[in-house]
């Protein structure tokens, strides 16, 4: 081989090596290599940087590396590497290290190469600092189970803890008290002084509850001005004083930036196992007792009467009315548009259930609660999908494209023939699968994720998109995101509402968007109530928005008219007038 050719190959090799090093540097990925024959260990400069070590003062050393690892993680890391060499497998794991006085999360991958005699020749691997990603994931997981305003456990967390408390009480033959707490006339504070002042009061209530909570007791915020609590291992003779202790802690003067308020509370209580029902029914019974307390005035407390079942009877009446409404086509769908924030073009719409009974609107949440765990859940979901598909054909004839998203119960998806049912509905309506988007509600109630994943994959094969609703709440979190074939994440409106004034909400939304972008998932922000918030979302890279800033949910006829009058150009002009300087971007 001539000298020019050798020089050319040497230059090419040098360029390739520089390219590799620059790629590692830019990506923040460190590289290491161990020669099993000589014992020589190589660390790239990025490895030293990640581990917080000085490459000029130290040589690569496996013992130094092991000593950096958290005690709880060290054996796992060492064993994983040894097993990889022994069983000739690749490995990937996460562990914590102590670096420069801080904790870092590391994602490591590695593999061993073998010679012709099947002896270990070289082990190679990578390490990456993923601390920011893990911190964001932990923050999202925390917010998924805690109320964003008060940091108390939320309804989902409360439900899980209540289930565990009931199991323990049943096993140990002890009592628990379930309390439902409602602040009297709290709505007047919001109406007269604004939600910011009301929020101050709610935060103070949460602090007072946290100050008196016992080691095994717990409180949660489960609604606007509604709190719930559980007192465990409590005797009948103690319960009155215990609940009054909670009541005294809550009630009294609350000083805010604008005024001082005298707060009282109504409390409903039920006792397990005297009220021997499922945990979710215990909460409902304490809620009913709270309403009985309110009927006797403010600052009252009442126990649930286990001998009365009036509410159950009314629930059965409501279920019968719902069944009749499905058969008689009494329900209607309202449509709320989704807007592409980059150009203002319509990005589909969400179909929302409405029921006008005796000329008055009936709460969709009351409908959902009444039919929970009954066959009516499937019947109503089936009606909604069928209606949405038929109306989508009318929209398409008016040059209005979807997709149109519908809220769907996981139990409906888990039906084995669900994909086949959808095929039939598409055929009957004369539309394709891309018309429909399934928004999965209360995904945490899914019993078998593997089966649900398979069924959703079959749905996606029909052209359907799958959306994870209320992302960031207890119903929908990272665990579910990784377990299902998701196309779209919908950020819950409670994190969007104060995006231009609350740094905590902004940080969470940024984290969700970063995770979604890393997985090439579209994001829709719910509850966009102002163009100022829409502008922030656009600058953060959020694909679409939905909310009263653009349009409220509308009837089929009103939606048709709205689309005809919608102007993407005017949307962009209006959006451009807002400067996103309310919060640090």
Foldseek 3Di string as FASTA:
>chain_A
DDPVVVVVVVVVVVVVVVVVLVVCVVVLKKKKKAFPVVRAIDTRPSVCVLQQHDVVVDGDDVVVVLVFFDPVCSVVVVVQVVVCQVVQHKDWDWTWGQHPNDIWIKIKIKGFDADPVRHTGMIMIMIHTCRVLVVLQVLLVQLQQAPPLQSFGEPLVVLVLLQVLQVVCVVVVAKKKKKKKAKPPLVVCCVPPNVVQSSQLQNQLSVLCVVPADPSKGKGAYDDRMIMIMDHRDDPVCVVVVVVVSQVSSFQWDDDPPGIDTIGMQMFMEMPPVVPDHSVVRNVQRVVQSVVQPVVPTNGYGYRDSVDDVVVVVLVVLVVVLVVCLVVVQKAWWWFWKAFLVQRDTAATETDIWGQDPNRTDDPVSVCVSCPPHPVLLSVQLSSVLNQLLLQVVCVVVVHAHQYEYEHELVNLLPPCNLVSVVVSCVVNVHFLLNYEYEYWLCVPHDDLVSSQVSVVSSVVRVYAYEHEQESHNSHYPVSVVSHDHQEYEHHQVLLVCCLPDVSSVSSVLSVVVVCVVVVHAYEYEANCALLSSLVCVVSPHGIYTHVNQHDTGGSVVVSVSNVPRDSVVSVVVSVVHDSPSDDD
